[in-house]
Amino acid sequence: MFGLFKSKGEKPEEQARKQPSETPVNKQFKELAAQFLPEELTILAVTGANGFGGGKTRGETLWTASIGLTAWMEEDSPDIHRGKFVLSTIADDRLLGVLRQRARSDFIIKFRGRVSENGQRLLLLDLPEPAFDPDLKAILEEEKKPVTFQEEGLGAFTLNRQVDWFETTVDWLGTEISLVFDAEEDRAGCIQNAKAVLAAAGDWDRRVREYAAGELLSSANDWAEDEEITREQFMERMELESIEVRADGGFDFWFGDGDLFYGHSIHVSGDMENGPDDAEMEG
């Protein structure tokens, strides 16, 4: 039974396990629940580096709330499933806030749930509670340890678990910036391409700024309140903050906008073979 939604006047922490009466809740929950096996289980799980988040598709009135898990087990079973899993349910704004309080990042929780056929997804049926299991605790402590490696010419990379990428700080034409790549990418390929980009920093800096100015200068002048911004001024005001490189040669340059767009970011993407091919104002 889906018991996350409360009756009027109940505190979130005192929500009874009741079948929801609102049609939007019923409809969205039934659509989600159809993706899981019918058996209800009592589950203990380790949450990942991020808490609950929510998303809506067009026409939906409630959130599909989800959180990543790194391990889970049935309460009365010694078998532990390890990997990347997603725990989901349907929530309104208030319930999403309660879930974020109840199931924090890097935490052990207990809840009633259902499991997908492949075991990679779980459906939350009630409010999660703090829990303890020595084996899950050991897994959690191991996952929280810093993951680093050293690369000559680039420095020490550290895994950012919240976004699942490796990052370091490098010098870019006298400015300190972040260099990042996805942890699931081929590491050797990313390192090779990062070194190639840094070796030609002056050329890449010019090409990326020129491309961004060509694509966004007109929009910047639409935003400008005073005198017109020149191409050279646009390029000078861009403040490089980070570069992401990929093993296939793709890249993303992220700039602070220097107040060209009142604090938004400038994002330039492309690949090493063909150069920049897209520039957007984002954020």
Protein backbone atom coordinates (compact mmCIF):
# COMPACT_ATOMS: atom_id res chain seq x y z
CA MET A 1 0.00 0.00 0.00
CA PHE A 2 1.21 3.49 -0.87
CA GLY A 3 1.17 5.42 2.40
CA LEU A 4 3.25 8.54 1.94
CA PHE A 5 0.46 11.08 1.57
CA LYS A 6 -1.18 12.38 4.72
CA SER A 7 -4.67 13.53 5.58
CA LYS A 8 -5.29 17.23 6.11
CA GLY A 9 -3.92 18.38 9.45
CA GLU A 10 -1.49 15.49 9.94
CA LYS A 11 2.15 16.24 10.48
CA PRO A 12 4.40 14.72 7.81
CA GLU A 13 6.14 12.60 10.44
CA GLU A 14 2.78 11.14 11.49
CA GLN A 15 1.55 10.19 8.04
CA ALA A 16 -0.63 7.10 8.16
CA ARG A 17 -0.13 4.37 5.60
CA LYS A 18 -3.26 5.02 3.60
CA GLN A 19 -4.31 4.70 0.00
CA PRO A 20 -4.33 8.25 -1.49
CA SER A 21 -7.69 9.57 -2.58
CA GLU A 22 -6.56 12.30 -4.97
CA THR A 23 -6.82 11.31 -8.60
CA PRO A 24 -3.45 12.81 -9.67
CA VAL A 25 -1.70 10.84 -6.93
CA ASN A 26 -3.46 7.61 -7.87
CA LYS A 27 -2.78 8.05 -11.56
CA GLN A 28 0.92 8.94 -11.30
CA PHE A 29 1.60 6.36 -8.62
CA LYS A 30 -0.11 3.55 -10.53
CA GLU A 31 1.90 4.38 -13.64
CA LEU A 32 5.11 4.28 -11.62
CA ALA A 33 4.17 1.20 -9.59
CA ALA A 34 3.42 -0.79 -12.75
CA GLN A 35 7.17 -0.86 -13.40
CA PHE A 36 7.87 -2.91 -10.24
CA LEU A 37 7.19 -6.40 -8.96
CA PRO A 38 4.10 -6.62 -6.68
CA GLU A 39 5.78 -8.07 -3.57
CA GLU A 40 6.33 -5.58 -0.74
CA LEU A 41 9.62 -5.92 1.14
CA THR A 42 11.26 -4.35 4.18
CA ILE A 43 14.54 -3.00 2.84
CA LEU A 44 17.70 -1.49 4.29
CA ALA A 45 19.79 0.63 1.95
CA VAL A 46 22.80 2.92 1.69
CA THR A 47 22.12 6.29 0.05
CA GLY A 48 24.60 7.86 -2.35
CA ALA A 49 26.34 11.22 -2.37
CA ASN A 50 23.16 13.16 -3.22
CA GLY A 51 19.82 13.46 -1.44
CA PHE A 52 16.31 13.23 -2.86
CA GLY A 53 15.58 15.18 -6.03
CA GLY A 54 12.38 15.65 -8.00
CA GLY A 55 11.32 16.05 -11.60
CA LYS A 56 8.08 16.57 -13.50
CA THR A 57 7.16 15.88 -17.09
CA ARG A 58 4.60 17.88 -19.02
CA GLY A 59 1.09 17.43 -17.65
CA GLU A 60 2.14 16.03 -14.27
CA THR A 61 1.06 17.77 -11.08
CA LEU A 62 3.36 15.93 -8.65
CA TRP A 63 7.05 15.18 -8.49
CA THR A 64 8.67 11.89 -9.34
CA ALA A 65 11.06 11.95 -6.38
CA SER A 66 14.20 9.81 -6.44
CA ILE A 67 17.48 9.20 -4.67
CA GLY A 68 20.50 7.12 -5.63
CA LEU A 69 21.42 4.04 -3.61
CA THR A 70 24.76 2.24 -3.59
CA ALA A 71 23.70 -0.93 -1.74
CA TRP A 72 20.49 -2.56 -0.48
CA MET A 73 19.33 -5.72 1.26
CA GLU A 74 16.12 -7.27 2.51
CA GLU A 75 15.83 -6.93 6.28
CA ASP A 76 15.86 -10.68 6.93
CA SER A 77 18.38 -11.66 4.25
CA PRO A 78 22.20 -11.68 4.37
CA ASP A 79 22.45 -10.96 0.64
CA ILE A 80 23.63 -7.44 -0.18
CA HIS A 81 23.16 -5.93 -3.63
CA ARG A 82 25.89 -3.43 -4.55
CA GLY A 83 26.02 -1.04 -7.51
CA LYS A 84 24.03 1.96 -8.71
CA PHE A 85 20.32 1.84 -7.86
CA VAL A 86 17.47 4.36 -7.85
CA LEU A 87 14.75 4.61 -5.20
CA SER A 88 11.66 6.47 -6.46
CA THR A 89 8.15 7.49 -5.46
CA ILE A 90 5.52 10.17 -6.12
CA ALA A 91 5.57 13.30 -3.96
CA ASP A 92 4.11 16.76 -3.62
CA ASP A 93 6.26 19.73 -2.55
CA ARG A 94 5.84 19.13 1.18
CA LEU A 95 6.49 15.41 1.02
CA LEU A 96 9.60 15.98 -1.10
CA GLY A 97 10.94 18.19 1.68
CA VAL A 98 10.24 15.50 4.29
CA LEU A 99 11.98 12.86 2.17
CA ARG A 100 15.04 15.09 1.92
CA GLN A 101 15.15 15.29 5.72
CA ARG A 102 14.53 11.58 6.26
CA ALA A 103 16.91 10.19 3.62
CA ARG A 104 20.04 12.30 3.55
CA SER A 105 23.11 11.62 1.46
CA ASP A 106 25.58 8.99 2.73
CA PHE A 107 23.03 7.49 5.11
CA ILE A 108 21.50 4.10 5.97
CA ILE A 109 17.71 3.95 5.72
CA LYS A 110 14.93 1.40 6.23
CA PHE A 111 11.65 1.42 4.30
CA ARG A 112 8.89 -0.65 2.75
CA GLY A 113 9.37 -1.00 -0.95
CA ARG A 114 9.05 -2.96 -4.16
CA VAL A 115 11.81 -3.92 -6.56
CA SER A 116 12.00 -3.86 -10.34
CA GLU A 117 12.50 -7.13 -12.17
CA ASN A 118 16.20 -6.45 -12.75
CA GLY A 119 16.75 -5.22 -9.18
CA GLN A 120 18.15 -1.86 -10.31
CA ARG A 121 15.16 0.26 -9.29
CA LEU A 122 13.14 0.36 -6.08
CA LEU A 123 9.74 1.86 -5.29
CA LEU A 124 9.30 3.65 -1.94
CA LEU A 125 6.01 2.88 -0.19
CA ASP A 126 6.39 4.63 3.18
CA LEU A 127 8.55 7.19 4.95
CA PRO A 128 12.17 6.01 5.29
CA GLU A 129 13.67 5.74 8.76
CA PRO A 130 17.29 5.77 9.99
CA ALA A 131 18.70 2.25 10.24
CA PHE A 132 21.86 0.35 11.06
CA ASP A 133 23.51 -2.77 9.76
CA PRO A 134 27.22 -3.48 10.33
CA ASP A 135 27.84 -4.68 6.79
CA LEU A 136 26.08 -1.70 5.25
CA LYS A 137 27.95 0.61 7.62
CA ALA A 138 31.25 -0.83 6.40
CA ILE A 139 30.19 -0.27 2.78
CA LEU A 140 29.22 3.33 3.53
CA GLU A 141 32.50 4.12 5.28
CA GLU A 142 34.47 2.66 2.38
CA GLU A 143 32.52 4.71 -0.16
CA LYS A 144 33.13 7.94 1.75
CA LYS A 145 36.92 7.61 1.56
CA PRO A 146 38.53 10.11 -0.86
CA VAL A 147 39.42 8.72 -4.29
CA THR A 148 42.45 10.43 -5.83
CA PHE A 149 45.20 9.89 -8.35
CA GLN A 150 48.24 11.87 -9.45
CA GLU A 151 49.05 12.64 -13.09
CA GLU A 152 52.34 14.20 -14.09
CA GLY A 153 51.82 17.57 -15.71
CA LEU A 154 48.24 17.89 -14.46
CA GLY A 155 48.43 17.39 -10.71
CA ALA A 156 46.25 15.53 -8.21
CA PHE A 157 42.73 14.57 -9.30
CA THR A 158 39.98 14.01 -6.72
CA LEU A 159 36.67 12.26 -7.33
CA ASN A 160 33.67 14.53 -6.73
CA ARG A 161 31.05 11.93 -5.79
CA GLN A 162 28.11 14.31 -6.11
CA VAL A 163 28.63 14.75 -9.84
CA ASP A 164 30.75 11.61 -10.43
CA TRP A 165 33.71 13.31 -12.05
CA PHE A 166 37.42 13.72 -11.37
CA GLU A 167 38.67 17.26 -10.97
CA THR A 168 41.92 19.12 -10.48
CA THR A 169 43.15 22.69 -10.66
CA VAL A 170 45.48 23.76 -13.48
CA ASP A 171 47.05 26.95 -14.78
CA TRP A 172 45.43 28.37 -17.92
CA LEU A 173 47.34 31.33 -19.31
CA GLY A 174 48.04 32.63 -15.81
CA THR A 175 44.57 31.89 -14.43
CA GLU A 176 43.68 29.00 -12.13
CA ILE A 177 40.79 26.92 -13.52
CA SER A 178 39.17 23.52 -12.90
CA LEU A 179 39.88 20.61 -15.23
CA VAL A 180 37.34 17.80 -15.03
CA PHE A 181 36.30 14.58 -16.71
CA ASP A 182 33.56 12.04 -16.14
CA ALA A 183 34.62 9.21 -13.84
CA GLU A 184 33.06 6.68 -16.22
CA GLU A 185 35.07 7.93 -19.20
CA ASP A 186 38.27 6.21 -20.33
CA ARG A 187 40.79 7.85 -18.00
CA ALA A 188 43.82 7.49 -20.29
CA GLY A 189 41.95 9.08 -23.20
CA CYS A 190 40.76 11.99 -21.08
CA ILE A 191 44.26 12.64 -19.74
CA GLN A 192 45.79 12.53 -23.22
CA ASN A 193 43.25 15.03 -24.56
CA ALA A 194 43.53 17.28 -21.52
CA LYS A 195 47.29 17.53 -22.00
CA ALA A 196 46.81 18.31 -25.69
CA VAL A 197 44.35 21.12 -24.92
CA LEU A 198 46.62 22.60 -22.26
CA ALA A 199 49.65 22.42 -24.55
CA ALA A 200 47.79 24.62 -27.04
CA ALA A 201 46.01 26.77 -24.46
CA GLY A 202 46.57 30.05 -26.30
CA ASP A 203 45.07 28.76 -29.54
CA TRP A 204 42.10 27.10 -27.87
CA ASP A 205 41.42 30.14 -25.71
CA ARG A 206 41.29 32.39 -28.77
CA ARG A 207 39.16 29.99 -30.83
CA VAL A 208 36.59 29.40 -28.09
CA ARG A 209 36.26 33.10 -27.23
CA GLU A 210 35.94 34.10 -30.88
CA TYR A 211 33.26 31.49 -31.46
CA ALA A 212 31.29 32.56 -28.37
CA ALA A 213 31.46 36.20 -29.43
CA GLY A 214 30.26 35.33 -32.91
CA GLU A 215 27.27 33.43 -31.50
CA LEU A 216 26.30 35.56 -28.50
CA LEU A 217 27.46 39.15 -29.08
CA SER A 218 24.12 40.22 -30.50
CA SER A 219 22.28 38.80 -27.47
CA ALA A 220 24.72 40.50 -25.11
CA ASN A 221 23.98 43.86 -26.72
CA ASP A 222 20.26 43.18 -26.35
CA TRP A 223 20.90 42.81 -22.62
CA ALA A 224 23.21 45.83 -22.40
CA GLU A 225 21.77 48.97 -20.83
CA ASP A 226 24.58 51.40 -21.73
CA GLU A 227 26.85 51.63 -24.75
CA GLU A 228 27.24 48.86 -27.29
CA ILE A 229 29.63 46.02 -26.46
CA THR A 230 32.30 45.34 -29.05
CA ARG A 231 33.51 41.89 -30.08
CA GLU A 232 36.83 42.49 -28.33
CA GLN A 233 35.13 43.62 -25.13
CA PHE A 234 32.90 40.54 -25.15
CA MET A 235 35.90 38.24 -25.46
CA GLU A 236 37.84 40.06 -22.72
CA ARG A 237 34.98 39.92 -20.25
CA MET A 238 34.56 36.15 -20.51
CA GLU A 239 36.11 34.55 -17.40
CA LEU A 240 37.15 30.93 -17.89
CA GLU A 241 36.23 28.79 -14.88
CA SER A 242 36.44 25.16 -15.98
CA ILE A 243 37.08 22.81 -18.88
CA GLU A 244 35.63 19.31 -19.23
CA VAL A 245 37.37 16.94 -21.64
CA ARG A 246 36.21 13.57 -22.91
CA ALA A 247 38.05 10.55 -24.26
CA ASP A 248 36.46 10.99 -27.71
CA GLY A 249 37.90 14.51 -28.00
CA GLY A 250 34.75 16.37 -26.98
CA PHE A 251 35.06 19.36 -24.68
CA ASP A 252 33.02 21.90 -22.73
CA PHE A 253 34.39 25.31 -21.71
CA TRP A 254 32.49 27.11 -18.93
CA PHE A 255 32.94 30.85 -18.45
CA GLY A 256 31.69 33.41 -16.00
CA ASP A 257 29.96 36.02 -18.15
CA GLY A 258 31.65 39.14 -16.75
CA ASP A 259 28.14 40.62 -16.30
CA LEU A 260 27.40 40.33 -20.02
CA PHE A 261 24.24 38.41 -19.10
CA TYR A 262 23.84 39.55 -15.48
CA GLY A 263 25.62 36.60 -13.89
CA HIS A 264 24.69 33.73 -16.19
CA SER A 265 27.29 31.29 -17.49
CA ILE A 266 28.64 31.03 -21.01
CA HIS A 267 28.99 27.44 -22.20
CA VAL A 268 30.99 26.58 -25.32
CA SER A 269 31.15 22.98 -26.53
CA GLY A 270 32.79 21.18 -29.43
CA ASP A 271 35.52 18.67 -30.18
CA MET A 272 39.25 18.76 -30.75
CA GLU A 273 39.03 17.80 -34.40
CA ASN A 274 36.50 20.38 -35.54
CA GLY A 275 36.73 23.03 -32.84
CA PRO A 276 33.83 24.76 -31.05
CA ASP A 277 30.39 24.19 -32.55
CA ASP A 278 27.90 25.48 -29.98
CA ALA A 279 27.72 28.42 -27.55
CA GLU A 280 24.92 29.15 -25.11
CA MET A 281 24.10 31.47 -22.23
CA GLU A 282 23.02 29.19 -19.38
CA GLY A 283 22.16 29.19 -15.70
